[in-house]
Amino acid sequence: DYQSEAVAVDDDTPPPVVTISPTPFEWCDPSSIPPREWIYDTHLIRKFVSLTVSPGGLGKSSLALVEALSMVTNRALLDDAIIHEPDLRVWYWNGEDPQDETRRRVMAACKHYGISSADLGGRLFTDSGRDTPLILGQLDKGAITLNEDLFQEIEATMIEHRIDVFMADPFVSAHRLGENDNNAIDALIKRLGRMADRTNSAIE
């Protein structure tokens, strides 16, 4: 039979200094809690990070751009999707394709849906990783390193231009971390969450 036995250990190590304590839950009127600030359907929400996942080549970029056009034009272009706020400002960054390719896709969608320049109202912003690379995190000699200077620059730009939604497409182009490394991706997503919080935006 298995038996356990306590073993005395002679250890002079001082006990750790406790610097964390639990926060008591404060009862409140439920109506005083702010509701979630949904931006687009049940997918994008202020101060949160969302992710669209599928195998390659199935149209994630085209979907993201049509959703961006929905938000900036106040039109539900896909089925009965709900745009919760008017005149949203969207910044779409594509890490793979040149800016001309994004223009092709945007203009094709505008032609298909009958969208004019006036409908956009200067609320759509697009950039290419070929011109403006965004490497938000990488492994440095095995250690997870986040590009804090770049994060702060993006946050300042979003605040200056009153960006409501920031889209990084595809996610893998925005970092140099192993996507099967849970610790690395967790650190990056949590930093993106702080960016969403600081800019009062939704991150896609």
C-alpha atoms as a PDB file:
ATOM      1  CA  ASP A   1       0.000   0.000   0.000  1.00  0.00           C
ATOM      2  CA  TYR A   2       1.063   3.575  -0.731  1.00  0.00           C
ATOM      3  CA  GLN A   3       1.938   5.520   2.401  1.00  0.00           C
ATOM      4  CA  SER A   4       2.859   9.152   2.753  1.00  0.00           C
ATOM      5  CA  GLU A   5       5.229  10.425   5.378  1.00  0.00           C
ATOM      6  CA  ALA A   6       5.916  13.996   6.451  1.00  0.00           C
ATOM      7  CA  VAL A   7       9.584  14.855   6.236  1.00  0.00           C
ATOM      8  CA  ALA A   8      11.061  17.621   8.343  1.00  0.00           C
ATOM      9  CA  VAL A   9      13.205  19.995   6.315  1.00  0.00           C
ATOM     10  CA  ASP A  10      15.797  22.197   7.946  1.00  0.00           C
ATOM     11  CA  ASP A  11      15.306  25.413   5.985  1.00  0.00           C
ATOM     12  CA  ASP A  12      16.427  28.818   7.229  1.00  0.00           C
ATOM     13  CA  THR A  13      14.857  30.616   4.251  1.00  0.00           C
ATOM     14  CA  PRO A  14      12.724  33.515   5.558  1.00  0.00           C
ATOM     15  CA  PRO A  15       9.037  33.447   4.651  1.00  0.00           C
ATOM     16  CA  PRO A  16       8.082  35.544   1.624  1.00  0.00           C
ATOM     17  CA  VAL A  17       6.773  39.056   2.142  1.00  0.00           C
ATOM     18  CA  VAL A  18       3.077  39.058   1.278  1.00  0.00           C
ATOM     19  CA  THR A  19       2.242  41.918  -1.117  1.00  0.00           C
ATOM     20  CA  ILE A  20      -1.039  40.660  -2.552  1.00  0.00           C
ATOM     21  CA  SER A  21      -4.391  40.223  -0.869  1.00  0.00           C
ATOM     22  CA  PRO A  22      -7.894  39.315  -2.033  1.00  0.00           C
ATOM     23  CA  THR A  23     -10.329  42.122  -2.805  1.00  0.00           C
ATOM     24  CA  PRO A  24     -13.709  41.728  -1.113  1.00  0.00           C
ATOM     25  CA  PHE A  25     -16.620  41.744  -3.545  1.00  0.00           C
ATOM     26  CA  GLU A  26     -18.702  44.886  -3.091  1.00  0.00           C
ATOM     27  CA  TRP A  27     -22.437  44.428  -3.427  1.00  0.00           C
ATOM     28  CA  CYS A  28     -23.993  47.008  -5.733  1.00  0.00           C
ATOM     29  CA  ASP A  29     -27.100  47.887  -7.649  1.00  0.00           C
ATOM     30  CA  PRO A  30     -26.828  45.860 -10.896  1.00  0.00           C
ATOM     31  CA  SER A  31     -28.171  48.831 -12.852  1.00  0.00           C
ATOM     32  CA  SER A  32     -25.088  50.820 -11.796  1.00  0.00           C
ATOM     33  CA  ILE A  33     -22.728  48.470 -13.666  1.00  0.00           C
ATOM     34  CA  PRO A  34     -21.969  49.847 -17.157  1.00  0.00           C
ATOM     35  CA  PRO A  35     -23.129  47.504 -19.925  1.00  0.00           C
ATOM     36  CA  ARG A  36     -20.648  46.039 -22.370  1.00  0.00           C
ATOM     37  CA  GLU A  37     -19.860  48.525 -25.149  1.00  0.00           C
ATOM     38  CA  TRP A  38     -20.502  46.475 -28.268  1.00  0.00           C
ATOM     39  CA  ILE A  39     -19.295  48.126 -31.474  1.00  0.00           C
ATOM     40  CA  TYR A  40     -20.018  45.635 -34.233  1.00  0.00           C
ATOM     41  CA  ASP A  41     -22.599  42.862 -33.840  1.00  0.00           C
ATOM     42  CA  THR A  42     -21.529  40.447 -31.071  1.00  0.00           C
ATOM     43  CA  HIS A  43     -17.942  40.360 -32.318  1.00  0.00           C
ATOM     44  CA  LEU A  44     -16.213  43.646 -31.496  1.00  0.00           C
ATOM     45  CA  ILE A  45     -16.423  45.331 -28.103  1.00  0.00           C
ATOM     46  CA  ARG A  46     -14.602  48.322 -26.642  1.00  0.00           C
ATOM     47  CA  LYS A  47     -11.661  47.475 -24.366  1.00  0.00           C
ATOM     48  CA  PHE A  48     -11.489  43.878 -25.606  1.00  0.00           C
ATOM     49  CA  VAL A  49      -9.483  41.873 -28.144  1.00  0.00           C
ATOM     50  CA  SER A  50     -11.345  39.692 -30.668  1.00  0.00           C
ATOM     51  CA  LEU A  51     -10.033  37.157 -33.145  1.00  0.00           C
ATOM     52  CA  THR A  52     -11.322  35.784 -36.450  1.00  0.00           C
ATOM     53  CA  VAL A  53      -9.968  32.280 -37.073  1.00  0.00           C
ATOM     54  CA  SER A  54     -10.024  30.050 -40.153  1.00  0.00           C
ATOM     55  CA  PRO A  55      -7.609  28.172 -42.433  1.00  0.00           C
ATOM     56  CA  GLY A  56      -5.737  30.290 -44.944  1.00  0.00           C
ATOM     57  CA  GLY A  57      -7.295  31.432 -48.189  1.00  0.00           C
ATOM     58  CA  LEU A  58     -10.928  31.399 -47.052  1.00  0.00           C
ATOM     59  CA  GLY A  59     -11.505  35.155 -47.094  1.00  0.00           C
ATOM     60  CA  LYS A  60     -10.655  36.501 -43.632  1.00  0.00           C
ATOM     61  CA  SER A  61      -9.168  39.679 -45.129  1.00  0.00           C
ATOM     62  CA  SER A  62     -12.176  40.290 -47.363  1.00  0.00           C
ATOM     63  CA  LEU A  63     -14.479  39.696 -44.392  1.00  0.00           C
ATOM     64  CA  ALA A  64     -12.523  42.118 -42.205  1.00  0.00           C
ATOM     65  CA  LEU A  65     -12.645  44.843 -44.860  1.00  0.00           C
ATOM     66  CA  VAL A  66     -16.391  44.462 -45.433  1.00  0.00           C
ATOM     67  CA  GLU A  67     -16.931  44.636 -41.672  1.00  0.00           C
ATOM     68  CA  ALA A  68     -14.767  47.777 -41.602  1.00  0.00           C
ATOM     69  CA  LEU A  69     -16.863  49.297 -44.390  1.00  0.00           C
ATOM     70  CA  SER A  70     -20.025  48.420 -42.500  1.00  0.00           C
ATOM     71  CA  MET A  71     -18.769  50.298 -39.473  1.00  0.00           C
ATOM     72  CA  VAL A  72     -17.569  53.431 -41.251  1.00  0.00           C
ATOM     73  CA  THR A  73     -20.709  53.689 -43.453  1.00  0.00           C
ATOM     74  CA  ASN A  74     -23.263  52.765 -40.763  1.00  0.00           C
ATOM     75  CA  ARG A  75     -24.621  50.057 -43.077  1.00  0.00           C
ATOM     76  CA  ALA A  76     -25.127  46.388 -42.230  1.00  0.00           C
ATOM     77  CA  LEU A  77     -23.487  44.935 -45.331  1.00  0.00           C
ATOM     78  CA  LEU A  78     -23.488  41.332 -44.113  1.00  0.00           C
ATOM     79  CA  ASP A  79     -26.856  39.745 -43.343  1.00  0.00           C
ATOM     80  CA  ASP A  80     -28.387  41.407 -40.288  1.00  0.00           C
ATOM     81  CA  ALA A  81     -25.179  42.396 -38.505  1.00  0.00           C
ATOM     82  CA  ILE A  82     -25.723  45.197 -36.009  1.00  0.00           C
ATOM     83  CA  ILE A  83     -23.598  48.349 -35.968  1.00  0.00           C
ATOM     84  CA  HIS A  84     -24.051  49.624 -32.431  1.00  0.00           C
ATOM     85  CA  GLU A  85     -22.559  53.114 -32.886  1.00  0.00           C
ATOM     86  CA  PRO A  86     -22.630  55.569 -35.812  1.00  0.00           C
ATOM     87  CA  ASP A  87     -19.628  57.015 -37.658  1.00  0.00           C
ATOM     88  CA  LEU A  88     -17.056  54.553 -36.348  1.00  0.00           C
ATOM     89  CA  ARG A  89     -13.419  55.060 -37.311  1.00  0.00           C
ATOM     90  CA  VAL A  90     -11.490  51.948 -38.343  1.00  0.00           C
ATOM     91  CA  TRP A  91      -7.751  51.457 -38.865  1.00  0.00           C
ATOM     92  CA  TYR A  92      -6.971  48.382 -40.973  1.00  0.00           C
ATOM     93  CA  TRP A  93      -3.346  47.211 -41.084  1.00  0.00           C
ATOM     94  CA  ASN A  94      -2.431  44.395 -43.489  1.00  0.00           C
ATOM     95  CA  GLY A  95       0.884  42.769 -42.730  1.00  0.00           C
ATOM     96  CA  GLU A  96       1.160  40.755 -45.941  1.00  0.00           C
ATOM     97  CA  ASP A  97      -0.133  42.668 -48.926  1.00  0.00           C
ATOM     98  CA  PRO A  98       0.911  45.977 -50.517  1.00  0.00           C
ATOM     99  CA  GLN A  99      -1.358  48.974 -50.133  1.00  0.00           C
ATOM    100  CA  ASP A 100      -2.534  48.610 -53.743  1.00  0.00           C
ATOM    101  CA  GLU A 101      -4.020  45.202 -52.939  1.00  0.00           C
ATOM    102  CA  THR A 102      -5.990  46.643 -50.039  1.00  0.00           C
ATOM    103  CA  ARG A 103      -7.204  49.425 -52.357  1.00  0.00           C
ATOM    104  CA  ARG A 104      -8.358  46.808 -54.868  1.00  0.00           C
ATOM    105  CA  ARG A 105     -10.342  44.969 -52.221  1.00  0.00           C
ATOM    106  CA  VAL A 106     -11.843  48.098 -50.712  1.00  0.00           C
ATOM    107  CA  MET A 107     -12.861  49.542 -54.063  1.00  0.00           C
ATOM    108  CA  ALA A 108     -14.277  46.204 -55.236  1.00  0.00           C
ATOM    109  CA  ALA A 109     -16.411  46.010 -52.101  1.00  0.00           C
ATOM    110  CA  CYS A 110     -17.492  49.638 -52.502  1.00  0.00           C
ATOM    111  CA  LYS A 111     -18.504  48.973 -56.098  1.00  0.00           C
ATOM    112  CA  HIS A 112     -20.426  45.841 -55.078  1.00  0.00           C
ATOM    113  CA  TYR A 113     -22.301  47.549 -52.238  1.00  0.00           C
ATOM    114  CA  GLY A 114     -22.752  50.927 -53.917  1.00  0.00           C
ATOM    115  CA  ILE A 115     -20.570  52.821 -51.434  1.00  0.00           C
ATOM    116  CA  SER A 116     -19.314  56.297 -52.319  1.00  0.00           C
ATOM    117  CA  SER A 117     -16.398  58.351 -51.041  1.00  0.00           C
ATOM    118  CA  ALA A 118     -18.886  60.490 -49.108  1.00  0.00           C
ATOM    119  CA  ASP A 119     -20.175  57.353 -47.384  1.00  0.00           C
ATOM    120  CA  LEU A 120     -16.687  56.637 -46.065  1.00  0.00           C
ATOM    121  CA  GLY A 121     -16.427  60.152 -44.652  1.00  0.00           C
ATOM    122  CA  GLY A 122     -12.681  59.896 -44.052  1.00  0.00           C
ATOM    123  CA  ARG A 123     -13.261  57.301 -41.324  1.00  0.00           C
ATOM    124  CA  LEU A 124     -11.374  54.370 -42.897  1.00  0.00           C
ATOM    125  CA  PHE A 125      -7.583  54.171 -42.519  1.00  0.00           C
ATOM    126  CA  THR A 126      -5.472  51.479 -44.212  1.00  0.00           C
ATOM    127  CA  ASP A 127      -1.776  50.657 -44.036  1.00  0.00           C
ATOM    128  CA  SER A 128       0.540  47.923 -45.296  1.00  0.00           C
ATOM    129  CA  GLY A 129       3.176  46.069 -43.355  1.00  0.00           C
ATOM    130  CA  ARG A 130       5.439  46.440 -46.382  1.00  0.00           C
ATOM    131  CA  ASP A 131       5.536  50.186 -45.727  1.00  0.00           C
ATOM    132  CA  THR A 132       4.887  50.229 -41.986  1.00  0.00           C
ATOM    133  CA  PRO A 133       5.948  46.964 -40.317  1.00  0.00           C
ATOM    134  CA  LEU A 134       4.472  46.323 -36.896  1.00  0.00           C
ATOM    135  CA  ILE A 135       6.434  43.764 -34.888  1.00  0.00           C
ATOM    136  CA  LEU A 136       4.662  43.918 -31.544  1.00  0.00           C
ATOM    137  CA  GLY A 137       6.605  41.104 -29.903  1.00  0.00           C
ATOM    138  CA  GLN A 138       9.433  38.672 -30.511  1.00  0.00           C
ATOM    139  CA  LEU A 139      11.672  36.131 -28.829  1.00  0.00           C
ATOM    140  CA  ASP A 140      15.000  37.612 -27.766  1.00  0.00           C
ATOM    141  CA  LYS A 141      17.445  34.839 -26.807  1.00  0.00           C
ATOM    142  CA  GLY A 142      14.502  32.735 -25.718  1.00  0.00           C
ATOM    143  CA  ALA A 143      12.867  35.525 -23.706  1.00  0.00           C
ATOM    144  CA  ILE A 144       9.507  37.072 -24.613  1.00  0.00           C
ATOM    145  CA  THR A 145      10.051  40.724 -25.549  1.00  0.00           C
ATOM    146  CA  LEU A 146       7.170  43.095 -26.287  1.00  0.00           C
ATOM    147  CA  ASN A 147       7.858  46.266 -28.273  1.00  0.00           C
ATOM    148  CA  GLU A 148       6.591  48.735 -25.681  1.00  0.00           C
ATOM    149  CA  ASP A 149       7.752  51.797 -27.648  1.00  0.00           C
ATOM    150  CA  LEU A 150       5.719  50.653 -30.656  1.00  0.00           C
ATOM    151  CA  PHE A 151       2.683  49.898 -28.511  1.00  0.00           C
ATOM    152  CA  GLN A 152       2.790  53.396 -27.055  1.00  0.00           C
ATOM    153  CA  GLU A 153       3.198  54.966 -30.503  1.00  0.00           C
ATOM    154  CA  ILE A 154       0.176  53.048 -31.833  1.00  0.00           C
ATOM    155  CA  GLU A 155      -1.868  54.063 -28.787  1.00  0.00           C
ATOM    156  CA  ALA A 156      -0.967  57.735 -29.221  1.00  0.00           C
ATOM    157  CA  THR A 157      -1.876  57.567 -32.918  1.00  0.00           C
ATOM    158  CA  MET A 158      -5.204  55.874 -32.194  1.00  0.00           C
ATOM    159  CA  ILE A 159      -6.095  58.502 -29.615  1.00  0.00           C
ATOM    160  CA  GLU A 160      -5.055  61.346 -31.948  1.00  0.00           C
ATOM    161  CA  HIS A 161      -7.190  60.012 -34.815  1.00  0.00           C
ATOM    162  CA  ARG A 162     -10.033  58.828 -32.540  1.00  0.00           C
ATOM    163  CA  ILE A 163      -9.771  55.240 -33.811  1.00  0.00           C
ATOM    164  CA  ASP A 164     -12.604  53.000 -32.596  1.00  0.00           C
ATOM    165  CA  VAL A 165     -11.390  49.713 -34.104  1.00  0.00           C
ATOM    166  CA  PHE A 166      -7.845  48.569 -34.899  1.00  0.00           C
ATOM    167  CA  MET A 167      -7.534  45.522 -37.184  1.00  0.00           C
ATOM    168  CA  ALA A 168      -4.228  43.645 -37.566  1.00  0.00           C
ATOM    169  CA  ASP A 169      -4.513  41.237 -40.500  1.00  0.00           C
ATOM    170  CA  PRO A 170      -3.140  38.607 -40.260  1.00  0.00           C
ATOM    171  CA  PHE A 171      -2.169  38.346 -36.608  1.00  0.00           C
ATOM    172  CA  VAL A 172       0.916  36.244 -37.395  1.00  0.00           C
ATOM    173  CA  SER A 173       2.422  39.162 -39.346  1.00  0.00           C
ATOM    174  CA  ALA A 174       2.279  41.439 -36.299  1.00  0.00           C
ATOM    175  CA  HIS A 175       4.720  39.466 -34.150  1.00  0.00           C
ATOM    176  CA  ARG A 176       7.653  37.054 -34.168  1.00  0.00           C
ATOM    177  CA  LEU A 177       6.415  34.718 -31.445  1.00  0.00           C
ATOM    178  CA  GLY A 178       5.523  31.058 -31.717  1.00  0.00           C
ATOM    179  CA  GLU A 179       1.749  30.813 -32.085  1.00  0.00           C
ATOM    180  CA  ASN A 180       1.863  27.450 -30.282  1.00  0.00           C
ATOM    181  CA  ASP A 181       3.661  29.068 -27.344  1.00  0.00           C
ATOM    182  CA  ASN A 182       0.841  29.745 -24.886  1.00  0.00           C
ATOM    183  CA  ASN A 183       2.970  31.939 -22.628  1.00  0.00           C
ATOM    184  CA  ALA A 184       4.158  34.147 -25.480  1.00  0.00           C
ATOM    185  CA  ILE A 185       0.729  34.580 -27.071  1.00  0.00           C
ATOM    186  CA  ASP A 186      -0.867  35.159 -23.667  1.00  0.00           C
ATOM    187  CA  ALA A 187       1.603  37.983 -22.963  1.00  0.00           C
ATOM    188  CA  LEU A 188       0.958  39.592 -26.357  1.00  0.00           C
ATOM    189  CA  ILE A 189      -2.836  39.337 -26.168  1.00  0.00           C
ATOM    190  CA  LYS A 190      -2.862  40.783 -22.658  1.00  0.00           C
ATOM    191  CA  ARG A 191      -0.755  43.732 -23.863  1.00  0.00           C
ATOM    192  CA  LEU A 192      -3.192  44.222 -26.744  1.00  0.00           C
ATOM    193  CA  GLY A 193      -5.966  44.184 -24.156  1.00  0.00           C
ATOM    194  CA  ARG A 194      -4.262  47.022 -22.291  1.00  0.00           C
ATOM    195  CA  MET A 195      -3.991  48.896 -25.597  1.00  0.00           C
ATOM    196  CA  ALA A 196      -7.722  48.415 -26.147  1.00  0.00           C
ATOM    197  CA  ASP A 197      -8.372  49.682 -22.630  1.00  0.00           C
ATOM    198  CA  ARG A 198      -6.094  52.725 -22.938  1.00  0.00           C
ATOM    199  CA  THR A 199      -7.542  53.752 -26.311  1.00  0.00           C
ATOM    200  CA  ASN A 200     -11.153  52.788 -25.487  1.00  0.00           C
ATOM    201  CA  SER A 201     -11.203  50.775 -28.698  1.00  0.00           C
ATOM    202  CA  ALA A 202     -11.858  47.285 -30.009  1.00  0.00           C
ATOM    203  CA  ILE A 203      -8.879  45.283 -31.282  1.00  0.00           C
ATOM    204  CA  GLU A 204      -9.375  42.715 -34.048  1.00  0.00           C
END
